Amino acid sequence: MPLPELDPEQRRAALQKAAEARRIRAELKQMLKAGEVSLGEVLERAGSADALAKMKVSEVIEAMPAYGPVKARRLMERLDIAPTRRLRGLGPRQTEALLATFESRS
């Protein structure tokens, strides 16, 4: 299925929307790394912010202090979360398990 043809104005609007979503995600990851927001707050915000809801769970975990790609992958395997899962797609048990993991570290 080919991508739809966009006129220049539609293309510009789509590019602006994508840039804004990237900026929001980058700010959130920076705030997580600095400890300014908790994982619970991120999951709560993802319920209402489309840009955050589309973030991969692995990106969020990797933004947590002391977590990198390897620890994030191992944690996701242990919690039975697919590597491609996005915040919006987390089930209630997966959400609870993630929150419990990071609350116990606090």
PDB file of N, CA and C in Angstrom:
ATOM      1  N   MET A   1       0.838  -1.166   0.000  1.00  0.00           N
ATOM      2  CA  MET A   1       0.000   0.000   0.000  1.00  0.00           C
ATOM      3  C   MET A   1       0.892   1.241   0.000  1.00  0.00           C
ATOM      4  N   PRO A   2       0.839   2.041  -1.031  1.00  0.00           N
ATOM      5  CA  PRO A   2       1.706   3.220  -1.117  1.00  0.00           C
ATOM      6  C   PRO A   2       1.254   4.319  -0.147  1.00  0.00           C
ATOM      7  N   LEU A   3       2.203   5.148   0.221  1.00  0.00           N
ATOM      8  CA  LEU A   3       1.889   6.279   1.094  1.00  0.00           C
ATOM      9  C   LEU A   3       1.025   7.279   0.351  1.00  0.00           C
ATOM     10  N   PRO A   4       0.144   7.962   1.062  1.00  0.00           N
ATOM     11  CA  PRO A   4      -0.708   8.947   0.380  1.00  0.00           C
ATOM     12  C   PRO A   4       0.118  10.145  -0.087  1.00  0.00           C
ATOM     13  N   GLU A   5      -0.298  10.712  -1.202  1.00  0.00           N
ATOM     14  CA  GLU A   5       0.362  11.909  -1.722  1.00  0.00           C
ATOM     15  C   GLU A   5      -0.119  13.112  -0.912  1.00  0.00           C
ATOM     16  N   LEU A   6       0.818  13.909  -0.432  1.00  0.00           N
ATOM     17  CA  LEU A   6       0.477  15.089   0.351  1.00  0.00           C
ATOM     18  C   LEU A   6       0.852  16.344  -0.412  1.00  0.00           C
ATOM     19  N   ASP A   7       0.011  17.339  -0.296  1.00  0.00           N
ATOM     20  CA  ASP A   7       0.394  18.615  -0.913  1.00  0.00           C
ATOM     21  C   ASP A   7       1.420  19.272   0.031  1.00  0.00           C
ATOM     22  N   PRO A   8       2.131  20.297  -0.427  1.00  0.00           N
ATOM     23  CA  PRO A   8       3.200  20.893   0.386  1.00  0.00           C
ATOM     24  C   PRO A   8       2.746  21.354   1.772  1.00  0.00           C
ATOM     25  N   GLU A   9       1.550  21.879   1.889  1.00  0.00           N
ATOM     26  CA  GLU A   9       1.057  22.338   3.193  1.00  0.00           C
ATOM     27  C   GLU A   9       0.804  21.164   4.138  1.00  0.00           C
ATOM     28  N   GLN A  10       0.226  20.091   3.629  1.00  0.00           N
ATOM     29  CA  GLN A  10      -0.014  18.903   4.446  1.00  0.00           C
ATOM     30  C   GLN A  10       1.314  18.285   4.891  1.00  0.00           C
ATOM     31  N   ARG A  11       2.268  18.263   3.977  1.00  0.00           N
ATOM     32  CA  ARG A  11       3.583  17.716   4.292  1.00  0.00           C
ATOM     33  C   ARG A  11       4.257  18.532   5.389  1.00  0.00           C
ATOM     34  N   ARG A  12       4.192  19.841   5.284  1.00  0.00           N
ATOM     35  CA  ARG A  12       4.794  20.721   6.280  1.00  0.00           C
ATOM     36  C   ARG A  12       4.146  20.503   7.646  1.00  0.00           C
ATOM     37  N   ALA A  13       2.815  20.375   7.662  1.00  0.00           N
ATOM     38  CA  ALA A  13       2.103  20.143   8.924  1.00  0.00           C
ATOM     39  C   ALA A  13       2.495  18.794   9.540  1.00  0.00           C
ATOM     40  N   ALA A  14       2.615  17.773   8.707  1.00  0.00           N
ATOM     41  CA  ALA A  14       3.002  16.449   9.198  1.00  0.00           C
ATOM     42  C   ALA A  14       4.421  16.471   9.764  1.00  0.00           C
ATOM     43  N   LEU A  15       5.325  17.172   9.089  1.00  0.00           N
ATOM     44  CA  LEU A  15       6.702  17.278   9.571  1.00  0.00           C
ATOM     45  C   LEU A  15       6.764  18.029  10.897  1.00  0.00           C
ATOM     46  N   GLN A  16       5.968  19.078  11.039  1.00  0.00           N
ATOM     47  CA  GLN A  16       5.938  19.826  12.294  1.00  0.00           C
ATOM     48  C   GLN A  16       5.394  18.964  13.431  1.00  0.00           C
ATOM     49  N   LYS A  17       4.357  18.199  13.138  1.00  0.00           N
ATOM     50  CA  LYS A  17       3.767  17.326  14.147  1.00  0.00           C
ATOM     51  C   LYS A  17       4.777  16.266  14.595  1.00  0.00           C
ATOM     52  N   ALA A  18       5.505  15.692  13.648  1.00  0.00           N
ATOM     53  CA  ALA A  18       6.506  14.674  13.968  1.00  0.00           C
ATOM     54  C   ALA A  18       7.653  15.275  14.787  1.00  0.00           C
ATOM     55  N   ALA A  19       8.088  16.469  14.428  1.00  0.00           N
ATOM     56  CA  ALA A  19       9.168  17.130  15.166  1.00  0.00           C
ATOM     57  C   ALA A  19       8.733  17.433  16.596  1.00  0.00           C
ATOM     58  N   GLU A  20       7.503  17.858  16.763  1.00  0.00           N
ATOM     59  CA  GLU A  20       6.978  18.144  18.103  1.00  0.00           C
ATOM     60  C   GLU A  20       6.915  16.875  18.943  1.00  0.00           C
ATOM     61  N   ALA A  21       6.488  15.772  18.354  1.00  0.00           N
ATOM     62  CA  ALA A  21       6.426  14.498  19.071  1.00  0.00           C
ATOM     63  C   ALA A  21       7.824  14.057  19.500  1.00  0.00           C
ATOM     64  N   ARG A  22       8.815  14.202  18.622  1.00  0.00           N
ATOM     65  CA  ARG A  22      10.195  13.841  18.975  1.00  0.00           C
ATOM     66  C   ARG A  22      10.715  14.709  20.107  1.00  0.00           C
ATOM     67  N   ARG A  23      10.367  16.005  20.081  1.00  0.00           N
ATOM     68  CA  ARG A  23      10.820  16.915  21.125  1.00  0.00           C
ATOM     69  C   ARG A  23      10.208  16.520  22.475  1.00  0.00           C
ATOM     70  N   ILE A  24       8.927  16.212  22.478  1.00  0.00           N
ATOM     71  CA  ILE A  24       8.241  15.816  23.709  1.00  0.00           C
ATOM     72  C   ILE A  24       8.866  14.544  24.281  1.00  0.00           C
ATOM     73  N   ARG A  25       9.111  13.556  23.422  1.00  0.00           N
ATOM     74  CA  ARG A  25       9.713  12.294  23.880  1.00  0.00           C
ATOM     75  C   ARG A  25      11.113  12.516  24.422  1.00  0.00           C
ATOM     76  N   ALA A  26      11.904  13.340  23.740  1.00  0.00           N
ATOM     77  CA  ALA A  26      13.270  13.608  24.192  1.00  0.00           C
ATOM     78  C   ALA A  26      13.266  14.300  25.552  1.00  0.00           C
ATOM     79  N   GLU A  27      12.372  15.263  25.743  1.00  0.00           N
ATOM     80  CA  GLU A  27      12.277  15.953  27.032  1.00  0.00           C
ATOM     81  C   GLU A  27      11.899  14.975  28.138  1.00  0.00           C
ATOM     82  N   LEU A  28      10.955  14.105  27.848  1.00  0.00           N
ATOM     83  CA  LEU A  28      10.523  13.142  28.847  1.00  0.00           C
ATOM     84  C   LEU A  28      11.667  12.201  29.227  1.00  0.00           C
ATOM     85  N   LYS A  29      12.398  11.714  28.246  1.00  0.00           N
ATOM     86  CA  LYS A  29      13.516  10.814  28.536  1.00  0.00           C
ATOM     87  C   LYS A  29      14.576  11.526  29.375  1.00  0.00           C
ATOM     88  N   GLN A  30      14.821  12.797  29.080  1.00  0.00           N
ATOM     89  CA  GLN A  30      15.791  13.578  29.854  1.00  0.00           C
ATOM     90  C   GLN A  30      15.311  13.737  31.300  1.00  0.00           C
ATOM     91  N   MET A  31      14.020  13.995  31.469  1.00  0.00           N
ATOM     92  CA  MET A  31      13.461  14.147  32.811  1.00  0.00           C
ATOM     93  C   MET A  31      13.523  12.824  33.591  1.00  0.00           C
ATOM     94  N   LEU A  32      13.291  11.711  32.915  1.00  0.00           N
ATOM     95  CA  LEU A  32      13.400  10.401  33.562  1.00  0.00           C
ATOM     96  C   LEU A  32      14.833  10.150  34.013  1.00  0.00           C
ATOM     97  N   LYS A  33      15.773  10.425  33.122  1.00  0.00           N
ATOM     98  CA  LYS A  33      17.187  10.195  33.430  1.00  0.00           C
ATOM     99  C   LYS A  33      17.623  11.023  34.631  1.00  0.00           C
ATOM    100  N   ALA A  34      17.102  12.259  34.729  1.00  0.00           N
ATOM    101  CA  ALA A  34      17.468  13.156  35.823  1.00  0.00           C
ATOM    102  C   ALA A  34      16.676  12.864  37.097  1.00  0.00           C
ATOM    103  N   GLY A  35      15.683  11.990  37.024  1.00  0.00           N
ATOM    104  CA  GLY A  35      14.880  11.668  38.193  1.00  0.00           C
ATOM    105  C   GLY A  35      13.812  12.710  38.502  1.00  0.00           C
ATOM    106  N   GLU A  36      13.484  13.559  37.537  1.00  0.00           N
ATOM    107  CA  GLU A  36      12.485  14.607  37.739  1.00  0.00           C
ATOM    108  C   GLU A  36      11.059  14.071  37.668  1.00  0.00           C
ATOM    109  N   VAL A  37      10.868  12.969  36.962  1.00  0.00           N
ATOM    110  CA  VAL A  37       9.561  12.320  36.892  1.00  0.00           C
ATOM    111  C   VAL A  37       9.738  10.834  37.165  1.00  0.00           C
ATOM    112  N   SER A  38       8.690  10.207  37.655  1.00  0.00           N
ATOM    113  CA  SER A  38       8.740   8.773  37.931  1.00  0.00           C
ATOM    114  C   SER A  38       8.135   8.005  36.762  1.00  0.00           C
ATOM    115  N   LEU A  39       8.349   6.718  36.780  1.00  0.00           N
ATOM    116  CA  LEU A  39       7.769   5.871  35.741  1.00  0.00           C
ATOM    117  C   LEU A  39       6.253   5.914  35.815  1.00  0.00           C
ATOM    118  N   GLY A  40       5.708   5.968  37.017  1.00  0.00           N
ATOM    119  CA  GLY A  40       4.262   6.057  37.182  1.00  0.00           C
ATOM    120  C   GLY A  40       3.691   7.302  36.528  1.00  0.00           C
ATOM    121  N   GLU A  41       4.394   8.434  36.672  1.00  0.00           N
ATOM    122  CA  GLU A  41       3.942   9.670  36.041  1.00  0.00           C
ATOM    123  C   GLU A  41       3.988   9.556  34.527  1.00  0.00           C
ATOM    124  N   VAL A  42       5.021   8.908  34.018  1.00  0.00           N
ATOM    125  CA  VAL A  42       5.146   8.728  32.567  1.00  0.00           C
ATOM    126  C   VAL A  42       3.981   7.896  32.041  1.00  0.00           C
ATOM    127  N   LEU A  43       3.684   6.802  32.722  1.00  0.00           N
ATOM    128  CA  LEU A  43       2.588   5.938  32.285  1.00  0.00           C
ATOM    129  C   LEU A  43       1.251   6.672  32.373  1.00  0.00           C
ATOM    130  N   GLU A  44       1.097   7.502  33.388  1.00  0.00           N
ATOM    131  CA  GLU A  44      -0.128   8.288  33.529  1.00  0.00           C
ATOM    132  C   GLU A  44      -0.258   9.301  32.390  1.00  0.00           C
ATOM    133  N   ARG A  45       0.834   9.993  32.078  1.00  0.00           N
ATOM    134  CA  ARG A  45       0.824  10.979  30.990  1.00  0.00           C
ATOM    135  C   ARG A  45       0.570  10.314  29.642  1.00  0.00           C
ATOM    136  N   ALA A  46       1.066   9.099  29.481  1.00  0.00           N
ATOM    137  CA  ALA A  46       0.898   8.396  28.205  1.00  0.00           C
ATOM    138  C   ALA A  46      -0.567   8.096  27.919  1.00  0.00           C
ATOM    139  N   GLY A  47      -1.386   8.066  28.964  1.00  0.00           N
ATOM    140  CA  GLY A  47      -2.802   7.821  28.767  1.00  0.00           C
ATOM    141  C   GLY A  47      -3.506   8.941  28.032  1.00  0.00           C
ATOM    142  N   SER A  48      -2.956  10.150  28.133  1.00  0.00           N
ATOM    143  CA  SER A  48      -3.627  11.290  27.494  1.00  0.00           C
ATOM    144  C   SER A  48      -2.794  11.936  26.381  1.00  0.00           C
ATOM    145  N   ALA A  49      -1.505  11.676  26.338  1.00  0.00           N
ATOM    146  CA  ALA A  49      -0.638  12.293  25.324  1.00  0.00           C
ATOM    147  C   ALA A  49      -0.276  11.261  24.258  1.00  0.00           C
ATOM    148  N   ASP A  50      -0.739  11.485  23.057  1.00  0.00           N
ATOM    149  CA  ASP A  50      -0.514  10.538  21.967  1.00  0.00           C
ATOM    150  C   ASP A  50       0.974  10.340  21.678  1.00  0.00           C
ATOM    151  N   ALA A  51       1.751  11.423  21.741  1.00  0.00           N
ATOM    152  CA  ALA A  51       3.183  11.326  21.451  1.00  0.00           C
ATOM    153  C   ALA A  51       3.876  10.398  22.444  1.00  0.00           C
ATOM    154  N   LEU A  52       3.453  10.428  23.697  1.00  0.00           N
ATOM    155  CA  LEU A  52       4.057   9.555  24.715  1.00  0.00           C
ATOM    156  C   LEU A  52       3.524   8.135  24.609  1.00  0.00           C
ATOM    157  N   ALA A  53       2.257   7.990  24.286  1.00  0.00           N
ATOM    158  CA  ALA A  53       1.654   6.669  24.186  1.00  0.00           C
ATOM    159  C   ALA A  53       2.318   5.832  23.098  1.00  0.00           C
ATOM    160  N   LYS A  54       2.883   6.493  22.107  1.00  0.00           N
ATOM    161  CA  LYS A  54       3.520   5.777  20.996  1.00  0.00           C
ATOM    162  C   LYS A  54       4.994   5.466  21.238  1.00  0.00           C
ATOM    163  N   MET A  55       5.522   5.833  22.425  1.00  0.00           N
ATOM    164  CA  MET A  55       6.920   5.515  22.756  1.00  0.00           C
ATOM    165  C   MET A  55       7.060   4.025  23.022  1.00  0.00           C
ATOM    166  N   LYS A  56       8.184   3.473  22.628  1.00  0.00           N
ATOM    167  CA  LYS A  56       8.451   2.073  22.937  1.00  0.00           C
ATOM    168  C   LYS A  56       8.802   1.958  24.420  1.00  0.00           C
ATOM    169  N   VAL A  57       8.359   0.879  25.021  1.00  0.00           N
ATOM    170  CA  VAL A  57       8.636   0.628  26.428  1.00  0.00           C
ATOM    171  C   VAL A  57      10.143   0.549  26.656  1.00  0.00           C
ATOM    172  N   SER A  58      10.854  -0.056  25.716  1.00  0.00           N
ATOM    173  CA  SER A  58      12.307  -0.188  25.865  1.00  0.00           C
ATOM    174  C   SER A  58      12.984   1.180  25.951  1.00  0.00           C
ATOM    175  N   GLU A  59      12.506   2.164  25.195  1.00  0.00           N
ATOM    176  CA  GLU A  59      13.071   3.511  25.253  1.00  0.00           C
ATOM    177  C   GLU A  59      12.890   4.121  26.633  1.00  0.00           C
ATOM    178  N   VAL A  60      11.726   3.907  27.204  1.00  0.00           N
ATOM    179  CA  VAL A  60      11.429   4.469  28.520  1.00  0.00           C
ATOM    180  C   VAL A  60      12.314   3.807  29.580  1.00  0.00           C
ATOM    181  N   ILE A  61      12.431   2.490  29.535  1.00  0.00           N
ATOM    182  CA  ILE A  61      13.259   1.787  30.522  1.00  0.00           C
ATOM    183  C   ILE A  61      14.721   2.205  30.379  1.00  0.00           C
ATOM    184  N   GLU A  62      15.192   2.327  29.143  1.00  0.00           N
ATOM    185  CA  GLU A  62      16.582   2.729  28.926  1.00  0.00           C
ATOM    186  C   GLU A  62      16.861   4.142  29.429  1.00  0.00           C
ATOM    187  N   ALA A  63      15.822   4.963  29.529  1.00  0.00           N
ATOM    188  CA  ALA A  63      15.992   6.324  30.032  1.00  0.00           C
ATOM    189  C   ALA A  63      16.046   6.365  31.559  1.00  0.00           C
ATOM    190  N   MET A  64      15.704   5.265  32.203  1.00  0.00           N
ATOM    191  CA  MET A  64      15.748   5.219  33.659  1.00  0.00           C
ATOM    192  C   MET A  64      17.206   5.194  34.116  1.00  0.00           C
ATOM    193  N   PRO A  65      17.500   5.830  35.246  1.00  0.00           N
ATOM    194  CA  PRO A  65      18.878   5.804  35.758  1.00  0.00           C
ATOM    195  C   PRO A  65      19.360   4.373  35.964  1.00  0.00           C
ATOM    196  N   ALA A  66      20.579   4.106  35.591  1.00  0.00           N
ATOM    197  CA  ALA A  66      21.260   2.815  35.744  1.00  0.00           C
ATOM    198  C   ALA A  66      20.749   1.735  34.791  1.00  0.00           C
ATOM    199  N   TYR A  67      19.962   2.109  33.796  1.00  0.00           N
ATOM    200  CA  TYR A  67      19.472   1.131  32.821  1.00  0.00           C
ATOM    201  C   TYR A  67      19.980   1.491  31.439  1.00  0.00           C
ATOM    202  N   GLY A  68      20.434   0.472  30.740  1.00  0.00           N
ATOM    203  CA  GLY A  68      20.858   0.624  29.360  1.00  0.00           C
ATOM    204  C   GLY A  68      20.129  -0.403  28.516  1.00  0.00           C
ATOM    205  N   PRO A  69      20.557  -0.572  27.295  1.00  0.00           N
ATOM    206  CA  PRO A  69      19.869  -1.516  26.397  1.00  0.00           C
ATOM    207  C   PRO A  69      19.835  -2.953  26.909  1.00  0.00           C
ATOM    208  N   VAL A  70      20.927  -3.430  27.490  1.00  0.00           N
ATOM    209  CA  VAL A  70      20.987  -4.826  27.922  1.00  0.00           C
ATOM    210  C   VAL A  70      20.091  -5.062  29.140  1.00  0.00           C
ATOM    211  N   LYS A  71      20.204  -4.211  30.156  1.00  0.00           N
ATOM    212  CA  LYS A  71      19.362  -4.369  31.343  1.00  0.00           C
ATOM    213  C   LYS A  71      17.884  -4.183  30.991  1.00  0.00           C
ATOM    214  N   ALA A  72      17.602  -3.262  30.090  1.00  0.00           N
ATOM    215  CA  ALA A  72      16.213  -3.033  29.673  1.00  0.00           C
ATOM    216  C   ALA A  72      15.663  -4.276  28.975  1.00  0.00           C
ATOM    217  N   ARG A  73      16.455  -4.851  28.078  1.00  0.00           N
ATOM    218  CA  ARG A  73      16.007  -6.054  27.355  1.00  0.00           C
ATOM    219  C   ARG A  73      15.771  -7.208  28.325  1.00  0.00           C
ATOM    220  N   ARG A  74      16.686  -7.396  29.280  1.00  0.00           N
ATOM    221  CA  ARG A  74      16.530  -8.480  30.253  1.00  0.00           C
ATOM    222  C   ARG A  74      15.289  -8.285  31.121  1.00  0.00           C
ATOM    223  N   LEU A  75      15.062  -7.045  31.542  1.00  0.00           N
ATOM    224  CA  LEU A  75      13.882  -6.760  32.355  1.00  0.00           C
ATOM    225  C   LEU A  75      12.606  -7.036  31.559  1.00  0.00           C
ATOM    226  N   MET A  76      12.582  -6.597  30.311  1.00  0.00           N
ATOM    227  CA  MET A  76      11.399  -6.815  29.486  1.00  0.00           C
ATOM    228  C   MET A  76      11.156  -8.306  29.253  1.00  0.00           C
ATOM    229  N   GLU A  77      12.220  -9.073  29.078  1.00  0.00           N
ATOM    230  CA  GLU A  77      12.059 -10.521  28.916  1.00  0.00           C
ATOM    231  C   GLU A  77      11.500 -11.138  30.194  1.00  0.00           C
ATOM    232  N   ARG A  78      12.020 -10.696  31.337  1.00  0.00           N
ATOM    233  CA  ARG A  78      11.570 -11.234  32.627  1.00  0.00           C
ATOM    234  C   ARG A  78      10.099 -10.896  32.884  1.00  0.00           C
ATOM    235  N   LEU A  79       9.679  -9.716  32.457  1.00  0.00           N
ATOM    236  CA  LEU A  79       8.291  -9.284  32.665  1.00  0.00           C
ATOM    237  C   LEU A  79       7.369  -9.684  31.515  1.00  0.00           C
ATOM    238  N   ASP A  80       7.918 -10.399  30.562  1.00  0.00           N
ATOM    239  CA  ASP A  80       7.158 -10.879  29.396  1.00  0.00           C
ATOM    240  C   ASP A  80       6.538  -9.723  28.606  1.00  0.00           C
ATOM    241  N   ILE A  81       7.387  -8.724  28.301  1.00  0.00           N
ATOM    242  CA  ILE A  81       6.977  -7.583  27.484  1.00  0.00           C
ATOM    243  C   ILE A  81       7.735  -7.682  26.166  1.00  0.00           C
ATOM    244  N   ALA A  82       7.017  -7.681  25.065  1.00  0.00           N
ATOM    245  CA  ALA A  82       7.633  -7.799  23.738  1.00  0.00           C
ATOM    246  C   ALA A  82       8.542  -6.594  23.473  1.00  0.00           C
ATOM    247  N   PRO A  83       9.647  -6.804  22.753  1.00  0.00           N
ATOM    248  CA  PRO A  83      10.580  -5.705  22.459  1.00  0.00           C
ATOM    249  C   PRO A  83       9.959  -4.566  21.654  1.00  0.00           C
ATOM    250  N   THR A  84       8.906  -4.847  20.931  1.00  0.00           N
ATOM    251  CA  THR A  84       8.284  -3.819  20.100  1.00  0.00           C
ATOM    252  C   THR A  84       7.093  -3.142  20.779  1.00  0.00           C
ATOM    253  N   ARG A  85       6.793  -3.529  22.017  1.00  0.00           N
ATOM    254  CA  ARG A  85       5.616  -3.008  22.724  1.00  0.00           C
ATOM    255  C   ARG A  85       5.747  -1.503  22.975  1.00  0.00           C
ATOM    256  N   ARG A  86       4.655  -0.811  22.801  1.00  0.00           N
ATOM    257  CA  ARG A  86       4.606   0.629  23.067  1.00  0.00           C
ATOM    258  C   ARG A  86       3.828   0.866  24.357  1.00  0.00           C
ATOM    259  N   LEU A  87       4.001   2.047  24.954  1.00  0.00           N
ATOM    260  CA  LEU A  87       3.359   2.325  26.234  1.00  0.00           C
ATOM    261  C   LEU A  87       1.855   2.101  26.170  1.00  0.00           C
ATOM    262  N   ARG A  88       1.227   2.523  25.083  1.00  0.00           N
ATOM    263  CA  ARG A  88      -0.217   2.375  24.938  1.00  0.00           C
ATOM    264  C   ARG A  88      -0.627   0.900  24.963  1.00  0.00           C
ATOM    265  N   GLY A  89       0.238   0.021  24.525  1.00  0.00           N
ATOM    266  CA  GLY A  89      -0.104  -1.391  24.403  1.00  0.00           C
ATOM    267  C   GLY A  89       0.193  -2.236  25.627  1.00  0.00           C
ATOM    268  N   LEU A  90       0.667  -1.625  26.703  1.00  0.00           N
ATOM    269  CA  LEU A  90       0.943  -2.394  27.920  1.00  0.00           C
ATOM    270  C   LEU A  90      -0.361  -2.854  28.559  1.00  0.00           C
ATOM    271  N   GLY A  91      -0.365  -4.090  28.985  1.00  0.00           N
ATOM    272  CA  GLY A  91      -1.521  -4.610  29.706  1.00  0.00           C
ATOM    273  C   GLY A  91      -1.435  -4.229  31.175  1.00  0.00           C
ATOM    274  N   PRO A  92      -2.519  -4.424  31.910  1.00  0.00           N
ATOM    275  CA  PRO A  92      -2.526  -4.053  33.326  1.00  0.00           C
ATOM    276  C   PRO A  92      -1.480  -4.801  34.153  1.00  0.00           C
ATOM    277  N   ARG A  93      -1.294  -6.071  33.885  1.00  0.00           N
ATOM    278  CA  ARG A  93      -0.290  -6.849  34.632  1.00  0.00           C
ATOM    279  C   ARG A  93       1.122  -6.382  34.307  1.00  0.00           C
ATOM    280  N   GLN A  94       1.369  -6.086  33.036  1.00  0.00           N
ATOM    281  CA  GLN A  94       2.695  -5.603  32.643  1.00  0.00           C
ATOM    282  C   GLN A  94       2.972  -4.248  33.286  1.00  0.00           C
ATOM    283  N   THR A  95       1.966  -3.378  33.311  1.00  0.00           N
ATOM    284  CA  THR A  95       2.118  -2.064  33.921  1.00  0.00           C
ATOM    285  C   THR A  95       2.419  -2.211  35.408  1.00  0.00           C
ATOM    286  N   GLU A  96       1.659  -3.065  36.089  1.00  0.00           N
ATOM    287  CA  GLU A  96       1.882  -3.291  37.524  1.00  0.00           C
ATOM    288  C   GLU A  96       3.278  -3.839  37.789  1.00  0.00           C
ATOM    289  N   ALA A  97       3.718  -4.784  36.961  1.00  0.00           N
ATOM    290  CA  ALA A  97       5.039  -5.386  37.147  1.00  0.00           C
ATOM    291  C   ALA A  97       6.140  -4.351  36.940  1.00  0.00           C
ATOM    292  N   LEU A  98       5.993  -3.507  35.932  1.00  0.00           N
ATOM    293  CA  LEU A  98       6.984  -2.451  35.700  1.00  0.00           C
ATOM    294  C   LEU A  98       7.036  -1.489  36.878  1.00  0.00           C
ATOM    295  N   LEU A  99       5.884  -1.042  37.321  1.00  0.00           N
ATOM    296  CA  LEU A  99       5.832  -0.111  38.446  1.00  0.00           C
ATOM    297  C   LEU A  99       6.422  -0.741  39.705  1.00  0.00           C
ATOM    298  N   ALA A 100       6.112  -1.997  39.961  1.00  0.00           N
ATOM    299  CA  ALA A 100       6.645  -2.679  41.141  1.00  0.00           C
ATOM    300  C   ALA A 100       8.164  -2.789  41.069  1.00  0.00           C
ATOM    301  N   THR A 101       8.683  -3.041  39.888  1.00  0.00           N
ATOM    302  CA  THR A 101      10.135  -3.158  39.717  1.00  0.00           C
ATOM    303  C   THR A 101      10.829  -1.862  40.072  1.00  0.00           C
ATOM    304  N   PHE A 102      10.293  -0.740  39.596  1.00  0.00           N
ATOM    305  CA  PHE A 102      10.981   0.518  39.830  1.00  0.00           C
ATOM    306  C   PHE A 102      10.631   1.153  41.166  1.00  0.00           C
ATOM    307  N   GLU A 103       9.489   0.803  41.763  1.00  0.00           N
ATOM    308  CA  GLU A 103       9.179   1.286  43.101  1.00  0.00           C
ATOM    309  C   GLU A 103      10.081   0.612  44.130  1.00  0.00           C
ATOM    310  N   SER A 104      10.408  -0.642  43.896  1.00  0.00           N
ATOM    311  CA  SER A 104      11.257  -1.365  44.840  1.00  0.00           C
ATOM    312  C   SER A 104      12.695  -0.838  44.820  1.00  0.00           C
ATOM    313  N   ARG A 105      13.090  -0.180  43.730  1.00  0.00           N
ATOM    314  CA  ARG A 105      14.442   0.367  43.621  1.00  0.00           C
ATOM    315  C   ARG A 105      14.556   1.718  44.309  1.00  0.00           C
ATOM    316  N   SER A 106      13.422   2.381  44.567  1.00  0.00           N
ATOM    317  CA  SER A 106      13.444   3.724  45.143  1.00  0.00           C
ATOM    318  C   SER A 106      13.794   3.705  46.602  1.00  0.00           C
TER     319      SER A 106
END
